[in-house]
């Protein structure tokens, strides 16, 4: 058991590096006061503002030079007082908020200042993990040394960005480092909610997103000569360009501070490693309740019904795109229930065929485990056949973030339709790029099914099948 744990930890933390910049001592817990204040306002047009503030005690336990643990304690959530915007009051959600943030510790790999990977608990929700990513981003320093200015590429909660490090003060007891990032040039930053499936690609450019936001990100770190972070502060500002002038306009500003308060001997964490994550912000779409999702989908289908009775109106593409977006919040049973109603003509009886067509066209574009379940069932049950079935299967290759549930659901397609071979293999390839899947039993089962189709040594015992897979001349 001990040997297995050591191997797993080695895979998780990567190649261990000798620490030279930092002097965190194994077996020691370092404590910090954490504060973050986020405010949204219309600068120059109104004195009103809204915002939230979070305070907490942050503990960093040092298990080894390269294996650290983050704990968040004494969390409080405040919100701006509507009657007195300059003041904060305790939020009604503070109790539930703090409970989820404090529930799990977060183990992470610390390679001389660079945080290479995270090892969150299986029960850790994306929004909680994102907040902890924000705290760790204040701790991270990826300079080669603390003596010279440097420009490096680093990954944190803001994305994968070029960071300009400047040594602003080098005193007797500590060194002060300033860090600046051009957020417009960051990759792995945005989450895309669109009706179109696609595979993202990167182009070398200083502009990686639409420049409708004027954004700045600046941090300052104070590190003692013994290699202990004494303080870190970060300010991030976003101004909406279309309605801004100079420093006026719609603006959101976030200020974070992390101050060293204490250290003590001893650590309490010995959690095993169960999964791995990176430092980039995790975009997540919450699933609505089945009742609400069904109501929203049927309401949108009624709108489409009314708009397409005579002809296709200019607003129809937007209605379809909205339908795809709404369907992404539905579970498998909800999609089946809605389809049953559409089939029976329970609503929109005078334009039922068009509504049915819109719904079926939206299914393969939804790209969720629920839609993949429905897609597989309708193809295997021969409700969708021919060219339409081929097109449905092709969409599997363009799902940007497939899950293991999706891969389990497409297994029947391999037995039913040989044309699913390329789509399913592409789906697995995309999944395995983002997840360690070499020892995953579910993935191994699908790969075995693929091998059975291909044959030993890539031998195909059906000449017609071979011709279908060959590229055209």
Protein backbone atom coordinates (compact mmCIF):
# COMPACT_ATOMS: atom_id res chain seq x y z
CA UNK A 1 0.00 0.00 0.00
CA UNK A 2 2.83 2.42 0.93
CA UNK A 3 4.62 1.79 -2.38
CA UNK A 4 1.41 2.44 -4.32
CA UNK A 5 0.87 5.74 -2.51
CA UNK A 6 4.43 6.92 -3.21
CA UNK A 7 4.10 6.11 -6.92
CA UNK A 8 0.76 7.91 -7.14
CA UNK A 9 2.17 10.96 -5.41
CA UNK A 10 5.12 11.00 -7.79
CA UNK A 11 2.75 10.99 -10.78
CA UNK A 12 0.76 13.80 -9.19
CA UNK A 13 3.53 16.17 -8.22
CA UNK A 14 5.73 15.52 -11.26
CA UNK A 15 9.49 15.81 -11.10
CA UNK A 16 10.56 17.07 -7.69
CA UNK A 17 12.73 20.15 -7.72
CA UNK A 18 15.28 21.29 -5.20
CA UNK A 19 13.96 24.43 -3.51
CA UNK A 20 16.24 27.45 -3.77
CA UNK A 21 13.95 30.53 -3.59
CA UNK A 22 11.68 29.41 -0.79
CA UNK A 23 12.45 28.05 2.64
CA UNK A 24 9.21 26.50 3.82
CA UNK A 25 10.11 23.89 6.43
CA UNK A 26 8.55 20.40 6.28
CA UNK A 27 6.39 19.69 9.30
CA UNK A 28 5.48 23.37 9.70
CA UNK A 29 2.15 25.15 9.23
CA UNK A 30 2.17 28.77 8.03
CA UNK A 31 -0.90 30.92 8.75
CA UNK A 32 -2.14 33.95 6.80
CA UNK A 33 -5.02 36.43 6.95
CA UNK A 34 -6.90 36.51 3.65
CA UNK A 35 -9.20 39.27 2.41
CA UNK A 36 -10.85 39.80 -0.99
CA UNK A 37 -13.21 42.61 -1.99
CA UNK A 38 -14.97 42.66 -5.37
CA UNK A 39 -16.94 45.75 -6.41
CA UNK A 40 -19.00 46.57 -9.50
CA UNK A 41 -20.00 50.16 -10.29
CA UNK A 42 -20.64 52.72 -13.03
CA UNK A 43 -17.66 55.00 -12.58
CA UNK A 44 -18.46 58.67 -13.22
CA UNK A 45 -22.21 58.15 -13.66
CA UNK A 46 -23.50 56.95 -10.30
CA UNK A 47 -22.39 56.67 -6.70
CA UNK A 48 -24.15 53.34 -6.33
CA UNK A 49 -22.09 50.17 -6.19
CA UNK A 50 -22.54 46.50 -5.42
CA UNK A 51 -20.07 43.95 -4.23
CA UNK A 52 -19.03 41.18 -1.89
CA UNK A 53 -16.20 40.69 0.56
CA UNK A 54 -14.69 37.49 1.91
CA UNK A 55 -12.36 37.11 4.88
CA UNK A 56 -10.67 33.93 6.04
CA UNK A 57 -7.71 32.33 7.80
CA UNK A 58 -5.46 30.49 5.36
CA UNK A 59 -3.18 27.69 6.52
CA UNK A 60 -0.36 26.25 4.41
CA UNK A 61 0.91 22.91 5.72
CA UNK A 62 4.30 21.76 4.46
CA UNK A 63 4.41 17.97 4.15
CA UNK A 64 7.65 18.12 2.17
CA UNK A 65 9.55 20.72 0.12
CA UNK A 66 7.36 19.98 -2.88
CA UNK A 67 4.15 18.70 -1.30
CA UNK A 68 1.99 21.33 0.43
CA UNK A 69 -1.60 21.57 1.64
CA UNK A 70 -3.97 24.54 1.66
CA UNK A 71 -6.68 24.88 4.31
CA UNK A 72 -9.25 27.68 4.55
CA UNK A 73 -10.72 28.42 7.98
CA UNK A 74 -12.97 31.01 9.70
CA UNK A 75 -14.59 32.07 6.43
CA UNK A 76 -17.04 34.95 6.43
CA UNK A 77 -18.95 36.36 3.45
CA UNK A 78 -20.13 39.97 3.49
CA UNK A 79 -22.10 42.03 0.98
CA UNK A 80 -22.39 45.76 0.46
CA UNK A 81 -25.21 47.44 2.34
CA UNK A 82 -27.75 48.68 -0.23
CA UNK A 83 -28.58 51.68 1.98
CA UNK A 84 -24.94 52.49 2.70
CA UNK A 85 -22.77 51.15 -0.18
CA UNK A 86 -19.50 52.02 1.56
CA UNK A 87 -20.25 49.54 4.34
CA UNK A 88 -20.56 45.75 4.40
CA UNK A 89 -23.03 43.50 6.22
CA UNK A 90 -22.82 39.77 6.87
CA UNK A 91 -24.43 37.86 4.00
CA UNK A 92 -27.31 35.50 4.65
CA UNK A 93 -25.38 32.91 2.61
CA UNK A 94 -22.24 33.19 4.76
CA UNK A 95 -22.90 30.01 6.77
CA UNK A 96 -23.42 27.73 3.76
CA UNK A 97 -20.61 29.46 1.89
CA UNK A 98 -18.07 28.94 4.68
CA UNK A 99 -19.14 25.34 5.27
CA UNK A 100 -18.29 24.33 1.70
CA UNK A 101 -15.02 26.26 1.60
CA UNK A 102 -13.78 24.80 4.88
CA UNK A 103 -14.90 21.22 4.23
CA UNK A 104 -11.87 19.95 2.31
CA UNK A 105 -8.16 20.68 2.33
CA UNK A 106 -6.34 21.06 -1.00
CA UNK A 107 -3.07 19.30 -1.61
CA UNK A 108 -0.81 20.83 -4.28
CA UNK A 109 2.57 20.43 -5.91
CA UNK A 110 4.98 23.28 -5.12
CA UNK A 111 8.05 23.32 -7.36
CA UNK A 112 10.21 26.14 -5.98
CA UNK A 113 7.34 28.62 -6.26
CA UNK A 114 5.57 27.17 -9.29
CA UNK A 115 2.33 25.35 -8.49
CA UNK A 116 2.27 22.57 -11.08
CA UNK A 117 -0.83 20.61 -10.09
CA UNK A 118 -3.64 20.35 -7.57
CA UNK A 119 -5.02 17.24 -5.88
CA UNK A 120 -8.56 18.17 -4.78
CA UNK A 121 -10.96 15.90 -2.94
CA UNK A 122 -13.50 14.08 -5.09
CA UNK A 123 -16.33 16.02 -3.42
CA UNK A 124 -14.78 19.45 -4.08
CA UNK A 125 -17.13 21.55 -6.22
CA UNK A 126 -15.76 23.67 -9.11
CA UNK A 127 -16.65 27.03 -7.54
CA UNK A 128 -14.91 26.15 -4.26
CA UNK A 129 -11.83 24.92 -6.11
CA UNK A 130 -11.76 28.14 -8.16
CA UNK A 131 -11.66 30.26 -4.99
CA UNK A 132 -8.77 28.17 -3.67
CA UNK A 133 -7.04 28.55 -7.04
CA UNK A 134 -7.31 32.31 -6.52
CA UNK A 135 -5.61 32.07 -3.13
CA UNK A 136 -2.83 29.85 -4.47
CA UNK A 137 -2.29 32.26 -7.38
CA UNK A 138 -1.24 34.87 -4.79
CA UNK A 139 1.31 32.45 -3.33
CA UNK A 140 2.79 31.37 -6.66
CA UNK A 141 6.06 32.88 -7.90
CA UNK A 142 7.62 31.35 -11.04
CA UNK A 143 10.81 33.43 -11.24
CA UNK A 144 14.08 31.54 -11.56
CA UNK A 145 15.48 33.66 -8.73
CA UNK A 146 14.43 36.67 -6.68
CA UNK A 147 17.31 38.90 -7.75
CA UNK A 148 16.57 39.81 -11.39
CA UNK A 149 13.56 40.96 -13.42
CA UNK A 150 12.09 38.25 -15.59
CA UNK A 151 9.26 37.55 -18.05
CA UNK A 152 7.80 34.04 -17.79
CA UNK A 153 4.73 32.10 -18.84
CA UNK A 154 2.69 30.83 -15.93
CA UNK A 155 -0.71 29.24 -15.33
CA UNK A 156 -3.01 30.37 -12.58
CA UNK A 157 -6.66 31.25 -12.02
CA UNK A 158 -6.48 34.10 -14.58
CA UNK A 159 -5.37 31.71 -17.34
CA UNK A 160 -2.04 30.84 -18.95
CA UNK A 161 -0.34 34.20 -19.34
CA UNK A 162 2.96 35.98 -19.78
CA UNK A 163 3.89 37.48 -16.42
CA UNK A 164 6.35 40.35 -16.03
CA UNK A 165 8.17 40.06 -12.69
CA UNK A 166 10.05 43.13 -11.42
CA UNK A 167 12.25 43.33 -8.33
CA UNK A 168 11.07 46.65 -6.91
CA UNK A 169 12.94 46.58 -3.59
CA UNK A 170 15.70 44.37 -2.24
CA UNK A 171 16.16 45.11 1.45
CA UNK A 172 18.06 43.60 4.36
CA UNK A 173 15.22 41.40 5.55
CA UNK A 174 12.97 40.93 2.55
CA UNK A 175 12.57 41.40 -1.19
CA UNK A 176 9.52 43.00 -2.83
CA UNK A 177 8.38 41.64 -6.18
CA UNK A 178 5.85 43.21 -8.55
CA UNK A 179 3.99 41.12 -11.13
CA UNK A 180 1.99 42.40 -14.11
CA UNK A 181 -0.13 40.45 -16.60
CA UNK A 182 -1.79 41.47 -19.85
CA UNK A 183 -5.03 39.51 -19.50
CA UNK A 184 -5.92 40.13 -23.15
CA UNK A 185 -3.09 37.79 -24.17
CA UNK A 186 -3.99 34.94 -21.78
CA UNK A 187 -5.14 31.55 -23.01
CA UNK A 188 -7.20 28.96 -21.09
CA UNK A 189 -9.18 31.87 -19.70
CA UNK A 190 -12.62 31.91 -21.25
CA UNK A 191 -15.55 29.52 -21.09
CA UNK A 192 -17.60 29.29 -24.25
CA UNK A 193 -21.36 28.78 -24.25
CA UNK A 194 -22.40 28.46 -27.87
CA UNK A 195 -24.70 26.31 -29.95
CA UNK A 196 -21.76 25.41 -32.21
CA UNK A 197 -19.52 22.48 -31.33
CA UNK A 198 -15.88 22.93 -32.12
CA UNK A 199 -12.31 22.00 -31.32
CA UNK A 200 -10.29 24.96 -30.00
CA UNK A 201 -6.89 25.83 -31.40
CA UNK A 202 -4.26 28.39 -30.44
CA UNK A 203 -2.66 31.08 -32.57
CA UNK A 204 0.47 32.89 -31.36
CA UNK A 205 -0.86 36.37 -30.65
CA UNK A 206 -0.87 39.03 -27.94
CA UNK A 207 -4.65 39.14 -28.29
CA UNK A 208 -6.44 35.92 -27.35
CA UNK A 209 -9.96 37.28 -26.80
CA UNK A 210 -12.26 40.02 -28.06
CA UNK A 211 -10.90 43.32 -26.66
CA UNK A 212 -14.26 44.58 -25.42
CA UNK A 213 -12.88 44.54 -21.86
CA UNK A 214 -9.99 46.69 -20.73
CA UNK A 215 -8.41 44.52 -18.06
CA UNK A 216 -5.39 44.90 -15.78
CA UNK A 217 -3.86 42.51 -13.26
CA UNK A 218 -1.09 43.58 -10.87
CA UNK A 219 0.34 41.87 -7.80
CA UNK A 220 2.99 42.62 -5.22
CA UNK A 221 4.73 40.00 -3.08
CA UNK A 222 7.00 40.44 -0.07
CA UNK A 223 9.28 37.45 0.51
CA UNK A 224 11.62 37.24 3.47
CA UNK A 225 15.32 36.47 3.05
CA UNK A 226 14.61 33.07 4.61
CA UNK A 227 12.23 32.32 1.73
CA UNK A 228 8.86 32.76 3.45
CA UNK A 229 6.01 34.70 1.81
CA UNK A 230 5.25 37.59 4.19
CA UNK A 231 2.51 39.23 2.18
CA UNK A 232 0.83 39.34 -1.20
CA UNK A 233 -1.65 41.79 -2.67
CA UNK A 234 -3.36 41.71 -6.08
CA UNK A 235 -5.62 44.17 -7.87
CA UNK A 236 -7.62 43.22 -10.95
CA UNK A 237 -9.75 45.71 -12.87
CA UNK A 238 -12.14 45.21 -15.79
CA UNK A 239 -13.69 48.12 -17.71
CA UNK A 240 -16.34 47.53 -20.37
CA UNK A 241 -14.89 49.43 -23.37
CA UNK A 242 -18.03 50.15 -25.47
CA UNK A 243 -19.51 52.43 -22.77
CA UNK A 244 -16.31 53.76 -21.21
CA UNK A 245 -14.36 56.99 -21.50
CA UNK A 246 -10.96 57.33 -19.89
CA UNK A 247 -11.48 55.95 -16.36
CA UNK A 248 -15.28 56.20 -16.50
CA UNK A 249 -17.72 53.44 -17.38
CA UNK A 250 -18.98 50.06 -16.21
CA UNK A 251 -16.21 48.59 -14.09
CA UNK A 252 -15.50 45.63 -11.82
CA UNK A 253 -12.53 45.75 -9.47
CA UNK A 254 -11.17 43.00 -7.25
CA UNK A 255 -8.63 43.53 -4.46
CA UNK A 256 -6.99 40.64 -2.59
CA UNK A 257 -4.56 40.64 0.31
CA UNK A 258 -2.74 37.78 1.99
CA UNK A 259 -0.75 38.65 5.15
CA UNK A 260 1.51 36.37 7.15
CA UNK A 261 0.35 36.07 10.76
CA UNK A 262 1.96 33.04 12.39
CA UNK A 263 3.73 29.73 12.01
CA UNK A 264 3.72 26.64 14.17
CA UNK A 265 5.26 23.21 14.24
CA UNK A 266 3.08 20.30 13.13
CA UNK A 267 0.76 19.34 10.29
CA UNK A 268 -2.52 17.48 10.43
CA UNK A 269 -3.13 16.47 6.83
CA UNK A 270 -2.47 13.02 5.45
CA UNK A 271 -5.18 12.74 2.79
CA UNK A 272 -4.58 10.35 -0.08
CA UNK A 273 -4.41 11.58 -3.68
CA UNK A 274 -7.56 10.73 -5.64
CA UNK A 275 -7.62 13.10 -8.61
CA UNK A 276 -5.57 15.77 -10.31
CA UNK A 277 -6.42 19.29 -11.54
CA UNK A 278 -4.52 22.32 -12.83
CA UNK A 279 -4.45 25.97 -11.81
CA UNK A 280 -6.65 27.32 -14.60
CA UNK A 281 -10.15 28.53 -13.74
CA UNK A 282 -12.68 25.72 -14.19
CA UNK A 283 -15.79 26.77 -16.10
CA UNK A 284 -18.84 24.87 -15.01
CA UNK A 285 -22.49 24.96 -16.07
CA UNK A 286 -24.91 24.15 -13.29
CA UNK A 287 -27.69 21.71 -14.10
CA UNK A 288 -31.15 23.08 -13.43
CA UNK A 289 -33.79 21.02 -11.65
CA UNK A 290 -35.61 18.61 -13.96
CA UNK A 291 -38.91 20.47 -13.51
CA UNK A 292 -37.40 23.87 -14.29
CA UNK A 293 -35.37 22.54 -17.23
CA UNK A 294 -38.41 20.87 -18.78
CA UNK A 295 -40.49 24.02 -18.35
CA UNK A 296 -37.80 26.18 -19.99
CA UNK A 297 -37.33 23.81 -22.94
CA UNK A 298 -41.03 23.51 -23.64
CA UNK A 299 -41.46 27.27 -23.36
CA UNK A 300 -38.71 27.79 -25.92
CA UNK A 301 -40.26 25.21 -28.27
CA UNK A 302 -43.58 27.07 -28.04
CA UNK A 303 -41.75 30.28 -29.04
CA UNK A 304 -40.16 28.49 -31.99
CA UNK A 305 -43.56 27.07 -32.94
CA UNK A 306 -45.13 30.54 -33.03
CA UNK A 307 -42.25 32.09 -34.99
CA UNK A 308 -42.02 29.43 -37.70
CA UNK A 309 -45.65 28.75 -38.59
CA UNK A 310 -45.59 30.83 -41.76
CA UNK A 311 -41.90 31.02 -42.60
CA UNK A 312 -38.49 31.20 -40.98
CA UNK A 313 -38.06 34.62 -39.40
CA UNK A 314 -34.71 36.47 -38.90
CA UNK A 315 -34.87 35.78 -35.16
CA UNK A 316 -35.22 32.00 -35.66
CA UNK A 317 -31.44 31.23 -35.49
CA UNK A 318 -31.26 33.01 -32.13
CA UNK A 319 -34.24 31.01 -30.85
CA UNK A 320 -32.52 27.78 -31.90
CA UNK A 321 -29.24 28.81 -30.28
CA UNK A 322 -31.12 29.61 -27.06
CA UNK A 323 -32.82 26.20 -27.23
CA UNK A 324 -29.45 24.44 -27.36
CA UNK A 325 -28.22 26.49 -24.40
CA UNK A 326 -31.34 25.65 -22.35
CA UNK A 327 -31.13 21.95 -23.19
CA UNK A 328 -27.63 21.81 -21.72
CA UNK A 329 -29.15 22.15 -18.26
CA UNK A 330 -31.46 19.14 -18.69
CA UNK A 331 -30.87 15.57 -17.56
CA UNK A 332 -31.56 12.48 -19.68
CA UNK A 333 -35.06 11.84 -18.32
CA UNK A 334 -36.11 15.45 -18.97
CA UNK A 335 -34.99 15.28 -22.60
CA UNK A 336 -36.89 12.01 -23.08
CA UNK A 337 -40.04 13.46 -21.51
CA UNK A 338 -39.94 16.53 -23.73
CA UNK A 339 -39.37 14.40 -26.82
CA UNK A 340 -42.34 12.21 -25.90
CA UNK A 341 -44.54 15.32 -25.72
CA UNK A 342 -43.19 16.58 -29.04
CA UNK A 343 -43.85 13.21 -30.68
CA UNK A 344 -47.40 13.04 -29.36
CA UNK A 345 -48.24 16.57 -30.49
CA UNK A 346 -49.12 17.56 -26.92
CA UNK A 347 -48.29 21.15 -27.80
CA UNK A 348 -47.98 23.05 -31.08
CA UNK A 349 -50.12 20.52 -32.93
CA UNK A 350 -50.49 22.80 -35.97
CA UNK A 351 -46.71 23.09 -36.47
CA UNK A 352 -45.53 19.85 -34.90
CA UNK A 353 -43.16 18.63 -37.62
CA UNK A 354 -41.06 21.81 -37.58
CA UNK A 355 -40.88 21.81 -33.79
CA UNK A 356 -39.82 18.15 -33.84
CA UNK A 357 -37.14 18.95 -36.40
CA UNK A 358 -35.78 21.85 -34.31
CA UNK A 359 -35.67 19.67 -31.19
CA UNK A 360 -33.88 16.79 -32.94
CA UNK A 361 -31.38 19.17 -34.57
CA UNK A 362 -30.58 20.57 -31.13
CA UNK A 363 -29.90 17.17 -29.51
CA UNK A 364 -26.47 16.45 -31.11
CA UNK A 365 -25.39 20.08 -30.65
CA UNK A 366 -26.07 20.08 -26.91
CA UNK A 367 -22.93 18.10 -26.07
CA UNK A 368 -23.89 16.90 -22.57
CA UNK A 369 -24.01 13.38 -21.10
CA UNK A 370 -27.82 13.56 -21.26
CA UNK A 371 -27.85 14.46 -24.96
CA UNK A 372 -25.24 11.78 -25.76
CA UNK A 373 -27.45 9.22 -24.00
CA UNK A 374 -30.41 10.30 -26.13
CA UNK A 375 -28.30 10.38 -29.30
CA UNK A 376 -27.08 6.84 -28.71
CA UNK A 377 -30.54 5.49 -27.92
CA UNK A 378 -32.19 7.04 -30.97
CA UNK A 379 -29.51 5.71 -33.31
CA UNK A 380 -29.46 2.22 -31.82
CA UNK A 381 -33.30 2.13 -31.86
CA UNK A 382 -33.28 3.24 -35.52
CA UNK A 383 -35.32 6.36 -34.77
CA UNK A 384 -32.57 8.28 -36.54
CA UNK A 385 -31.00 6.59 -39.56
CA UNK A 386 -29.00 7.20 -42.72
CA UNK A 387 -27.21 10.48 -43.33
CA UNK A 388 -28.81 12.10 -40.29
CA UNK A 389 -27.42 9.36 -38.02
CA UNK A 390 -23.97 9.81 -39.60
CA UNK A 391 -24.12 13.54 -38.95
CA UNK A 392 -25.19 12.97 -35.35
CA UNK A 393 -22.24 10.66 -34.74
CA UNK A 394 -19.84 13.14 -36.34
CA UNK A 395 -20.74 15.76 -33.70
CA UNK A 396 -19.21 13.52 -31.01
CA UNK A 397 -15.75 14.38 -32.34
CA UNK A 398 -16.30 18.09 -31.67
CA UNK A 399 -17.38 17.95 -28.02
CA UNK A 400 -14.72 20.12 -26.33
CA UNK A 401 -14.97 18.69 -22.80
CA UNK A 402 -16.27 15.11 -22.83
CA UNK A 403 -16.90 13.25 -19.59
CA UNK A 404 -16.51 9.61 -18.66
CA UNK A 405 -20.31 9.28 -18.58
CA UNK A 406 -20.40 10.21 -22.26
CA UNK A 407 -17.84 7.56 -23.13
CA UNK A 408 -19.84 4.91 -21.29
CA UNK A 409 -22.99 5.95 -23.14
CA UNK A 410 -21.49 5.66 -26.65
CA UNK A 411 -20.38 2.05 -26.18
CA UNK A 412 -23.54 0.64 -27.86
CA UNK A 413 -22.78 2.71 -30.97
CA UNK A 414 -19.65 0.65 -31.65
CA UNK A 415 -21.72 -2.52 -31.75
CA UNK A 416 -24.54 -0.99 -33.78
CA UNK A 417 -22.77 1.15 -36.35
CA UNK A 418 -19.22 0.77 -37.68
CA UNK A 419 -19.23 4.41 -38.76
CA UNK A 420 -19.09 5.41 -35.10
CA UNK A 421 -15.46 4.22 -34.93
CA UNK A 422 -13.82 7.54 -35.81
CA UNK A 423 -16.23 9.68 -33.77
CA UNK A 424 -15.89 7.57 -30.62
CA UNK A 425 -12.10 7.35 -30.90
CA UNK A 426 -11.95 11.17 -31.28
CA UNK A 427 -14.15 11.55 -28.20
CA UNK A 428 -11.79 9.33 -26.18
CA UNK A 429 -8.74 11.20 -27.48
CA UNK A 430 -10.19 14.54 -26.33
CA UNK A 431 -11.08 13.09 -22.93
CA UNK A 432 -7.65 11.55 -22.38
CA UNK A 433 -5.87 14.80 -23.27
CA UNK A 434 -7.38 16.37 -20.16
CA UNK A 435 -7.55 13.33 -17.86
CA UNK A 436 -5.12 10.62 -16.82
CA UNK A 437 -6.90 7.66 -18.38
CA UNK A 438 -4.18 5.08 -19.05
CA UNK A 439 -5.33 2.98 -16.09
CA UNK A 440 -9.05 3.75 -16.39
CA UNK A 441 -11.07 0.54 -16.69
CA UNK A 442 -13.96 2.20 -18.53
CA UNK A 443 -11.61 3.63 -21.14
CA UNK A 444 -9.86 0.28 -21.46
CA UNK A 445 -13.21 -1.40 -22.20
CA UNK A 446 -14.00 1.07 -24.99
CA UNK A 447 -10.52 0.69 -26.46
CA UNK A 448 -10.96 -3.09 -26.44
CA UNK A 449 -14.21 -2.65 -28.36
CA UNK A 450 -12.39 -0.43 -30.86
CA UNK A 451 -9.64 -3.03 -31.27
CA UNK A 452 -12.25 -5.69 -31.93
CA UNK A 453 -13.62 -3.55 -34.76
CA UNK A 454 -10.22 -2.78 -36.26
CA UNK A 455 -8.88 -6.30 -35.96
CA UNK A 456 -5.45 -7.59 -34.96
CA UNK A 457 -2.60 -5.66 -36.57
CA UNK A 458 -5.15 -3.25 -38.07
CA UNK A 459 -6.52 -6.12 -40.21
CA UNK A 460 -10.07 -5.51 -41.38
CA UNK A 461 -11.94 -8.65 -42.35
CA UNK A 462 -14.54 -6.73 -44.36
CA UNK A 463 -13.30 -5.12 -47.60
CA UNK A 464 -16.35 -2.87 -47.85
CA UNK A 465 -15.73 -1.61 -44.34
CA UNK A 466 -12.08 -0.97 -45.21
CA UNK A 467 -13.04 1.08 -48.28
CA UNK A 468 -15.43 3.19 -46.20
CA UNK A 469 -12.63 4.12 -43.80
CA UNK A 470 -10.11 4.93 -46.54
CA UNK A 471 -9.74 8.63 -47.37
CA UNK A 472 -10.87 9.71 -50.88
CA UNK A 473 -8.21 10.11 -53.57
